[in-house]
N, C-alpha and C. Protein backbone atom coordinates (compact mmCIF):
# COMPACT_ATOMS: atom_id res chain seq x y z
N MET A 1 79.58 -12.80 -12.87
CA MET A 1 79.26 -13.48 -11.63
C MET A 1 77.94 -12.94 -11.08
N LYS A 2 77.15 -13.83 -10.59
CA LYS A 2 75.89 -13.45 -9.95
C LYS A 2 76.17 -13.10 -8.49
N VAL A 3 75.70 -11.91 -8.08
CA VAL A 3 75.93 -11.42 -6.72
C VAL A 3 74.57 -11.19 -6.05
N LEU A 4 74.42 -11.77 -4.86
CA LEU A 4 73.22 -11.59 -4.06
C LEU A 4 73.45 -10.39 -3.14
N ILE A 5 72.56 -9.39 -3.21
CA ILE A 5 72.73 -8.16 -2.45
C ILE A 5 71.57 -8.02 -1.46
N LEU A 6 71.93 -7.96 -0.18
CA LEU A 6 70.95 -7.90 0.90
C LEU A 6 71.24 -6.69 1.78
N SER A 7 70.20 -6.20 2.45
CA SER A 7 70.37 -5.10 3.39
C SER A 7 69.23 -5.11 4.39
N ASP A 8 69.47 -4.51 5.54
CA ASP A 8 68.43 -4.19 6.51
C ASP A 8 67.56 -5.39 6.90
N SER A 9 68.21 -6.44 7.40
CA SER A 9 67.46 -7.61 7.85
C SER A 9 66.83 -7.41 9.22
N HIS A 10 67.43 -6.61 10.06
CA HIS A 10 66.87 -6.25 11.37
C HIS A 10 66.35 -7.46 12.15
N GLY A 11 67.14 -8.52 12.17
CA GLY A 11 66.78 -9.70 12.95
C GLY A 11 65.99 -10.76 12.22
N ASN A 12 65.62 -10.52 10.99
CA ASN A 12 64.79 -11.46 10.23
C ASN A 12 65.68 -12.46 9.48
N THR A 13 66.20 -13.44 10.21
CA THR A 13 67.06 -14.44 9.57
C THR A 13 66.26 -15.36 8.65
N TYR A 14 64.97 -15.49 8.89
CA TYR A 14 64.13 -16.32 8.02
C TYR A 14 64.18 -15.82 6.57
N ASN A 15 63.99 -14.50 6.38
CA ASN A 15 64.00 -13.95 5.02
C ASN A 15 65.40 -14.01 4.40
N VAL A 16 66.44 -13.78 5.20
CA VAL A 16 67.81 -13.89 4.68
C VAL A 16 68.05 -15.31 4.21
N ARG A 17 67.69 -16.27 5.04
CA ARG A 17 67.87 -17.69 4.69
C ARG A 17 67.09 -18.04 3.42
N ALA A 18 65.89 -17.51 3.26
CA ALA A 18 65.08 -17.78 2.07
C ALA A 18 65.76 -17.23 0.81
N ALA A 19 66.32 -16.03 0.90
CA ALA A 19 67.00 -15.44 -0.26
C ALA A 19 68.27 -16.23 -0.60
N LEU A 20 69.01 -16.65 0.42
CA LEU A 20 70.21 -17.46 0.19
C LEU A 20 69.85 -18.78 -0.48
N ALA A 21 68.78 -19.42 -0.02
CA ALA A 21 68.36 -20.70 -0.60
C ALA A 21 67.86 -20.55 -2.03
N LYS A 22 67.25 -19.42 -2.32
CA LYS A 22 66.70 -19.18 -3.66
C LYS A 22 67.80 -18.96 -4.70
N HIS A 23 68.99 -18.58 -4.24
CA HIS A 23 70.09 -18.27 -5.18
C HIS A 23 71.38 -18.98 -4.80
N PRO A 24 71.38 -20.32 -4.83
CA PRO A 24 72.60 -21.05 -4.49
C PRO A 24 73.72 -20.83 -5.51
N ASP A 25 73.35 -20.31 -6.69
CA ASP A 25 74.33 -20.05 -7.74
C ASP A 25 75.00 -18.68 -7.61
N ALA A 26 74.60 -17.90 -6.61
CA ALA A 26 75.25 -16.59 -6.40
C ALA A 26 76.69 -16.85 -5.94
N GLY A 27 77.63 -16.29 -6.66
CA GLY A 27 79.04 -16.51 -6.37
C GLY A 27 79.60 -15.58 -5.31
N HIS A 28 78.85 -14.57 -4.92
CA HIS A 28 79.29 -13.61 -3.90
C HIS A 28 78.03 -13.07 -3.23
N ILE A 29 78.13 -12.80 -1.94
CA ILE A 29 77.02 -12.24 -1.18
C ILE A 29 77.49 -10.92 -0.57
N ILE A 30 76.66 -9.89 -0.70
CA ILE A 30 76.97 -8.59 -0.12
C ILE A 30 75.83 -8.21 0.82
N PHE A 31 76.19 -7.84 2.06
CA PHE A 31 75.21 -7.37 3.03
C PHE A 31 75.55 -5.93 3.40
N LEU A 32 74.57 -5.04 3.26
CA LEU A 32 74.79 -3.61 3.40
C LEU A 32 74.37 -3.05 4.76
N GLY A 33 74.37 -3.87 5.79
CA GLY A 33 74.20 -3.38 7.14
C GLY A 33 72.80 -3.45 7.71
N ASP A 34 72.74 -3.19 9.01
CA ASP A 34 71.53 -3.27 9.84
C ASP A 34 71.02 -4.71 9.95
N GLY A 35 71.86 -5.52 10.58
CA GLY A 35 71.53 -6.92 10.82
C GLY A 35 72.77 -7.78 10.83
N GLU A 36 73.90 -7.18 11.13
CA GLU A 36 75.18 -7.90 11.12
C GLU A 36 75.11 -9.20 11.93
N ARG A 37 74.52 -9.15 13.10
CA ARG A 37 74.49 -10.33 13.98
C ARG A 37 73.64 -11.46 13.41
N ASP A 38 72.75 -11.14 12.50
CA ASP A 38 71.93 -12.18 11.86
C ASP A 38 72.81 -13.21 11.15
N PHE A 39 73.94 -12.77 10.65
CA PHE A 39 74.81 -13.64 9.86
C PHE A 39 75.59 -14.62 10.72
N GLU A 40 75.61 -14.42 12.03
CA GLU A 40 76.24 -15.38 12.93
C GLU A 40 75.51 -16.72 12.87
N TYR A 41 74.23 -16.71 12.51
CA TYR A 41 73.41 -17.92 12.47
C TYR A 41 73.30 -18.53 11.08
N LEU A 42 73.97 -17.92 10.10
CA LEU A 42 73.73 -18.32 8.71
C LEU A 42 74.96 -18.88 8.01
N SER A 43 76.02 -19.20 8.74
CA SER A 43 77.25 -19.63 8.09
C SER A 43 77.05 -20.90 7.26
N ALA A 44 76.20 -21.81 7.71
CA ALA A 44 75.95 -23.03 6.93
C ALA A 44 75.24 -22.70 5.62
N ASP A 45 74.37 -21.70 5.64
CA ASP A 45 73.64 -21.30 4.43
C ASP A 45 74.55 -20.59 3.43
N ILE A 46 75.53 -19.87 3.95
CA ILE A 46 76.46 -19.12 3.10
C ILE A 46 77.50 -20.07 2.51
N GLY A 47 77.94 -21.02 3.31
CA GLY A 47 78.94 -21.98 2.84
C GLY A 47 80.27 -21.31 2.59
N THR A 48 80.87 -21.62 1.45
CA THR A 48 82.19 -21.08 1.12
C THR A 48 82.12 -19.83 0.25
N ARG A 49 80.91 -19.36 -0.03
CA ARG A 49 80.78 -18.18 -0.88
C ARG A 49 81.37 -16.96 -0.16
N PRO A 50 82.08 -16.10 -0.89
CA PRO A 50 82.59 -14.87 -0.27
C PRO A 50 81.44 -14.00 0.21
N LEU A 51 81.64 -13.38 1.38
CA LEU A 51 80.65 -12.50 1.98
C LEU A 51 81.32 -11.17 2.30
N THR A 52 80.76 -10.10 1.75
CA THR A 52 81.21 -8.74 2.05
C THR A 52 80.12 -8.07 2.85
N MET A 53 80.49 -7.49 4.01
CA MET A 53 79.52 -6.84 4.88
C MET A 53 80.02 -5.48 5.33
N VAL A 54 79.08 -4.55 5.51
CA VAL A 54 79.40 -3.24 6.08
C VAL A 54 78.51 -3.00 7.29
N CYS A 55 78.93 -2.08 8.13
CA CYS A 55 78.21 -1.72 9.34
C CYS A 55 77.09 -0.73 9.01
N GLY A 56 75.91 -0.98 9.55
CA GLY A 56 74.80 -0.05 9.41
C GLY A 56 74.62 0.77 10.67
N ASN A 57 73.72 1.72 10.63
CA ASN A 57 73.50 2.60 11.78
C ASN A 57 72.85 1.88 12.95
N CYS A 58 72.28 0.69 12.74
CA CYS A 58 71.70 -0.08 13.84
C CYS A 58 72.58 -1.25 14.28
N ASP A 59 73.77 -1.36 13.74
CA ASP A 59 74.71 -2.41 14.11
C ASP A 59 75.60 -1.93 15.25
N PHE A 60 75.01 -1.78 16.42
CA PHE A 60 75.70 -1.22 17.58
C PHE A 60 76.86 -2.12 18.00
N GLY A 61 77.99 -1.51 18.28
CA GLY A 61 79.17 -2.25 18.72
C GLY A 61 79.87 -3.03 17.62
N SER A 62 79.53 -2.78 16.39
CA SER A 62 80.09 -3.51 15.27
C SER A 62 81.57 -3.20 15.08
N GLN A 63 82.30 -4.21 14.65
CA GLN A 63 83.71 -4.05 14.28
C GLN A 63 83.87 -3.96 12.76
N LEU A 64 82.76 -3.99 12.03
CA LEU A 64 82.82 -3.90 10.57
C LEU A 64 83.15 -2.48 10.13
N ASN A 65 83.72 -2.37 8.95
CA ASN A 65 83.94 -1.06 8.34
C ASN A 65 82.60 -0.50 7.85
N ASP A 66 82.52 0.82 7.74
CA ASP A 66 81.29 1.41 7.20
C ASP A 66 81.34 1.53 5.68
N LYS A 67 82.49 1.20 5.08
CA LYS A 67 82.64 1.18 3.63
C LYS A 67 83.49 -0.02 3.25
N GLU A 68 83.18 -0.63 2.14
CA GLU A 68 84.01 -1.71 1.58
C GLU A 68 84.08 -1.53 0.08
N LEU A 69 85.19 -1.92 -0.46
CA LEU A 69 85.41 -1.91 -1.90
C LEU A 69 85.84 -3.32 -2.29
N VAL A 70 85.12 -3.91 -3.22
CA VAL A 70 85.42 -5.28 -3.64
C VAL A 70 85.46 -5.32 -5.16
N ARG A 71 86.41 -6.09 -5.69
CA ARG A 71 86.52 -6.25 -7.15
C ARG A 71 85.84 -7.55 -7.53
N ILE A 72 84.87 -7.45 -8.43
CA ILE A 72 84.14 -8.62 -8.92
C ILE A 72 84.13 -8.57 -10.44
N SER A 73 84.65 -9.62 -11.04
CA SER A 73 84.71 -9.73 -12.51
C SER A 73 85.28 -8.46 -13.15
N GLY A 74 86.33 -7.92 -12.57
CA GLY A 74 87.00 -6.76 -13.13
C GLY A 74 86.36 -5.42 -12.81
N ASN A 75 85.27 -5.42 -12.06
CA ASN A 75 84.56 -4.18 -11.71
C ASN A 75 84.73 -3.88 -10.23
N LEU A 76 84.97 -2.60 -9.90
CA LEU A 76 85.02 -2.19 -8.51
C LEU A 76 83.61 -1.92 -8.01
N VAL A 77 83.27 -2.54 -6.88
CA VAL A 77 81.94 -2.39 -6.29
C VAL A 77 82.13 -1.69 -4.95
N TYR A 78 81.47 -0.54 -4.80
CA TYR A 78 81.54 0.28 -3.60
C TYR A 78 80.31 -0.03 -2.74
N CYS A 79 80.54 -0.46 -1.49
CA CYS A 79 79.46 -0.89 -0.61
C CYS A 79 79.42 -0.02 0.64
N VAL A 80 78.26 0.55 0.92
CA VAL A 80 78.04 1.34 2.14
C VAL A 80 76.61 1.06 2.62
N HIS A 81 76.35 1.39 3.88
CA HIS A 81 74.96 1.33 4.35
C HIS A 81 74.22 2.55 3.81
N GLY A 82 74.86 3.71 3.90
CA GLY A 82 74.29 4.92 3.32
C GLY A 82 73.96 6.02 4.30
N HIS A 83 73.90 5.69 5.58
CA HIS A 83 73.54 6.72 6.57
C HIS A 83 74.59 7.82 6.65
N LYS A 84 75.86 7.48 6.48
CA LYS A 84 76.92 8.49 6.54
C LYS A 84 77.01 9.30 5.25
N GLN A 85 76.38 8.83 4.21
CA GLN A 85 76.32 9.56 2.94
C GLN A 85 74.99 10.32 2.82
N PHE A 86 74.16 10.24 3.84
CA PHE A 86 72.87 10.94 3.89
C PHE A 86 71.98 10.61 2.69
N VAL A 87 71.90 9.31 2.36
CA VAL A 87 71.17 8.90 1.16
C VAL A 87 69.66 9.16 1.25
N LYS A 88 69.15 9.38 2.45
CA LYS A 88 67.72 9.72 2.55
C LYS A 88 67.44 11.10 1.97
N TYR A 89 68.48 11.88 1.75
CA TYR A 89 68.33 13.25 1.25
C TYR A 89 68.90 13.43 -0.15
N GLY A 90 69.35 12.35 -0.76
CA GLY A 90 69.90 12.41 -2.11
C GLY A 90 71.14 11.55 -2.24
N LEU A 91 71.56 11.34 -3.47
CA LEU A 91 72.67 10.43 -3.74
C LEU A 91 73.98 11.14 -4.09
N ASP A 92 74.02 12.46 -4.01
CA ASP A 92 75.22 13.20 -4.41
C ASP A 92 76.47 12.74 -3.68
N ASN A 93 76.41 12.61 -2.36
CA ASN A 93 77.59 12.20 -1.59
C ASN A 93 78.04 10.79 -1.96
N LEU A 94 77.09 9.89 -2.08
CA LEU A 94 77.40 8.51 -2.47
C LEU A 94 78.07 8.47 -3.83
N LEU A 95 77.48 9.17 -4.80
CA LEU A 95 78.03 9.14 -6.16
C LEU A 95 79.42 9.76 -6.22
N LYS A 96 79.63 10.83 -5.48
CA LYS A 96 80.93 11.48 -5.45
C LYS A 96 82.00 10.54 -4.89
N GLU A 97 81.69 9.87 -3.78
CA GLU A 97 82.63 8.92 -3.18
C GLU A 97 82.93 7.77 -4.14
N ALA A 98 81.90 7.19 -4.72
CA ALA A 98 82.08 6.05 -5.62
C ALA A 98 82.87 6.45 -6.86
N GLU A 99 82.60 7.62 -7.39
CA GLU A 99 83.32 8.11 -8.57
C GLU A 99 84.79 8.36 -8.24
N ASN A 100 85.06 8.93 -7.08
CA ASN A 100 86.45 9.24 -6.69
C ASN A 100 87.32 8.00 -6.57
N ILE A 101 86.73 6.85 -6.27
CA ILE A 101 87.54 5.64 -6.15
C ILE A 101 87.48 4.78 -7.42
N GLY A 102 86.72 5.23 -8.41
CA GLY A 102 86.67 4.53 -9.69
C GLY A 102 85.74 3.33 -9.72
N ALA A 103 84.71 3.34 -8.88
CA ALA A 103 83.78 2.21 -8.84
C ALA A 103 82.88 2.19 -10.08
N SER A 104 82.49 0.99 -10.46
CA SER A 104 81.52 0.80 -11.54
C SER A 104 80.11 0.66 -10.99
N LEU A 105 80.02 0.23 -9.72
CA LEU A 105 78.74 -0.03 -9.08
C LEU A 105 78.78 0.49 -7.65
N ALA A 106 77.78 1.28 -7.27
CA ALA A 106 77.63 1.79 -5.90
C ALA A 106 76.40 1.13 -5.28
N LEU A 107 76.60 0.47 -4.13
CA LEU A 107 75.52 -0.21 -3.43
C LEU A 107 75.28 0.46 -2.09
N PHE A 108 74.00 0.65 -1.74
CA PHE A 108 73.66 1.23 -0.45
C PHE A 108 72.33 0.68 0.03
N GLY A 109 72.07 0.83 1.32
CA GLY A 109 70.81 0.41 1.92
C GLY A 109 70.18 1.59 2.64
N HIS A 110 69.78 1.38 3.89
CA HIS A 110 69.33 2.39 4.83
C HIS A 110 67.90 2.89 4.60
N THR A 111 67.50 3.17 3.39
CA THR A 111 66.19 3.78 3.15
C THR A 111 65.05 2.76 3.12
N HIS A 112 65.39 1.49 2.98
CA HIS A 112 64.39 0.41 2.85
C HIS A 112 63.57 0.54 1.57
N GLU A 113 64.09 1.24 0.59
CA GLU A 113 63.38 1.42 -0.68
C GLU A 113 64.26 0.92 -1.83
N GLN A 114 63.74 -0.03 -2.59
CA GLN A 114 64.49 -0.53 -3.74
C GLN A 114 64.72 0.58 -4.75
N TYR A 115 65.92 0.55 -5.34
CA TYR A 115 66.27 1.61 -6.29
C TYR A 115 67.38 1.08 -7.19
N THR A 116 67.26 1.30 -8.47
CA THR A 116 68.36 1.07 -9.42
C THR A 116 68.40 2.24 -10.39
N ASP A 117 69.61 2.55 -10.81
CA ASP A 117 69.78 3.63 -11.78
C ASP A 117 71.15 3.49 -12.42
N TYR A 118 71.34 4.26 -13.46
CA TYR A 118 72.62 4.36 -14.14
C TYR A 118 72.83 5.84 -14.42
N ILE A 119 73.78 6.44 -13.71
CA ILE A 119 74.00 7.87 -13.81
C ILE A 119 75.46 8.13 -14.14
N ASP A 120 75.71 8.81 -15.25
CA ASP A 120 77.07 9.19 -15.65
C ASP A 120 78.06 8.03 -15.57
N GLY A 121 77.66 6.88 -16.08
CA GLY A 121 78.55 5.73 -16.12
C GLY A 121 78.61 4.91 -14.84
N MET A 122 77.79 5.26 -13.85
CA MET A 122 77.79 4.56 -12.56
C MET A 122 76.47 3.81 -12.38
N HIS A 123 76.58 2.50 -12.15
CA HIS A 123 75.42 1.70 -11.78
C HIS A 123 75.18 1.92 -10.28
N ILE A 124 73.91 2.03 -9.89
CA ILE A 124 73.56 2.31 -8.49
C ILE A 124 72.43 1.36 -8.09
N MET A 125 72.55 0.82 -6.87
CA MET A 125 71.46 -0.04 -6.39
C MET A 125 71.29 0.06 -4.89
N ASN A 126 70.02 0.14 -4.50
CA ASN A 126 69.59 -0.12 -3.14
C ASN A 126 68.69 -1.34 -3.25
N PRO A 127 69.06 -2.47 -2.61
CA PRO A 127 68.25 -3.68 -2.76
C PRO A 127 66.94 -3.66 -2.00
N GLY A 128 66.72 -2.60 -1.19
CA GLY A 128 65.55 -2.58 -0.32
C GLY A 128 65.88 -3.32 0.97
N SER A 129 64.88 -3.63 1.74
CA SER A 129 65.06 -4.31 3.02
C SER A 129 64.63 -5.77 2.90
N ILE A 130 65.56 -6.68 3.19
CA ILE A 130 65.19 -8.11 3.18
C ILE A 130 64.18 -8.40 4.28
N ASN A 131 64.16 -7.59 5.33
CA ASN A 131 63.14 -7.71 6.37
C ASN A 131 61.75 -7.46 5.79
N GLU A 132 61.69 -6.67 4.74
CA GLU A 132 60.43 -6.35 4.05
C GLU A 132 60.34 -7.10 2.72
N TYR A 133 61.06 -8.24 2.63
CA TYR A 133 61.00 -9.18 1.51
C TYR A 133 61.69 -8.71 0.24
N GLU A 134 62.49 -7.67 0.29
CA GLU A 134 63.14 -7.14 -0.92
C GLU A 134 64.65 -7.34 -0.86
N TYR A 135 65.22 -7.60 -2.03
CA TYR A 135 66.67 -7.76 -2.15
C TYR A 135 67.05 -7.51 -3.60
N GLY A 136 68.32 -7.66 -3.92
CA GLY A 136 68.77 -7.42 -5.28
C GLY A 136 69.72 -8.48 -5.78
N ILE A 137 69.82 -8.55 -7.09
CA ILE A 137 70.78 -9.41 -7.77
C ILE A 137 71.55 -8.53 -8.75
N ALA A 138 72.85 -8.70 -8.77
CA ALA A 138 73.69 -8.04 -9.78
C ALA A 138 74.41 -9.12 -10.57
N ASP A 139 74.26 -9.11 -11.87
CA ASP A 139 75.07 -9.95 -12.74
C ASP A 139 76.21 -9.08 -13.22
N ILE A 140 77.40 -9.39 -12.73
CA ILE A 140 78.58 -8.57 -12.99
C ILE A 140 79.56 -9.37 -13.84
N THR A 141 79.83 -8.86 -15.04
CA THR A 141 80.80 -9.49 -15.93
C THR A 141 81.74 -8.40 -16.44
N GLU A 142 82.79 -8.82 -17.11
CA GLU A 142 83.69 -7.84 -17.70
C GLU A 142 83.00 -7.07 -18.82
N GLN A 143 81.92 -7.63 -19.39
CA GLN A 143 81.19 -6.97 -20.47
C GLN A 143 80.17 -5.96 -19.96
N GLY A 144 79.78 -6.05 -18.68
CA GLY A 144 78.81 -5.10 -18.16
C GLY A 144 78.14 -5.59 -16.88
N ILE A 145 77.20 -4.78 -16.40
CA ILE A 145 76.50 -5.04 -15.15
C ILE A 145 74.99 -4.95 -15.42
N VAL A 146 74.26 -5.94 -14.92
CA VAL A 146 72.80 -5.93 -15.00
C VAL A 146 72.27 -6.05 -13.58
N LEU A 147 71.43 -5.10 -13.18
CA LEU A 147 70.85 -5.07 -11.83
C LEU A 147 69.39 -5.48 -11.88
N SER A 148 68.98 -6.30 -10.90
CA SER A 148 67.59 -6.76 -10.84
C SER A 148 67.05 -6.59 -9.43
N LYS A 149 65.90 -5.92 -9.31
CA LYS A 149 65.19 -5.84 -8.04
C LYS A 149 64.42 -7.14 -7.86
N MET A 150 64.50 -7.71 -6.66
CA MET A 150 63.88 -8.98 -6.39
C MET A 150 62.96 -8.87 -5.17
N THR A 151 61.98 -9.76 -5.10
CA THR A 151 61.07 -9.81 -3.98
C THR A 151 60.81 -11.27 -3.60
N LEU A 152 60.88 -11.57 -2.31
CA LEU A 152 60.50 -12.89 -1.82
C LEU A 152 58.99 -13.00 -1.81
N TYR A 153 58.49 -14.20 -1.99
CA TYR A 153 57.05 -14.43 -1.87
C TYR A 153 56.65 -14.20 -0.42
N LYS A 154 55.59 -13.42 -0.20
CA LYS A 154 55.09 -13.17 1.15
C LYS A 154 54.03 -14.20 1.49
N TYR A 155 54.15 -14.80 2.66
CA TYR A 155 53.18 -15.82 3.09
C TYR A 155 52.02 -15.18 3.79
C-alpha cells in the first residue's frame, strides 16, 4: 500500500492540499503533528482514505495521542512527532520504543529535516516539513518497505 506521510504543516494547508492531490492513489495518510487544525479544512481532499494523526509540540489543546501504532499490509508502523523522544539529539529513544513494540517502520517529524534509514531491521523516516515543501511516501507490502523522500515544486 502506498502511504502519504506528512508532518509540520504549521498552517500551510496549501502545501498539504497539493501533496494530497499529487497522490490520490495513496491508500493511507499519516500526519506526524504540528498542524492538526489544518486537517479540519481538508476532509474533502482526504475523502474516505484512512488518516492517522499524532499530536505535535505546537498542537496546543490537542486531544490526539502523542503516539500511534497502525498496521499496514502486515507491518506495524510506529508514529510520533518526536519531541518527547528528543529526536533533535539522536534517535536512540525512538528506536528503542519502536523496537519494544515490534514495529517495522518508525515515523517521526519535529526536526523539519528529511531523513530515511534502515538500522538493525528497522525502517526509519522523517518526511521533513510539508510547510517547507517536503514529505514522504512509503510503499508498504508484506514483502517489504520502500521509503521515498519527496518535494513539492516551489513556485
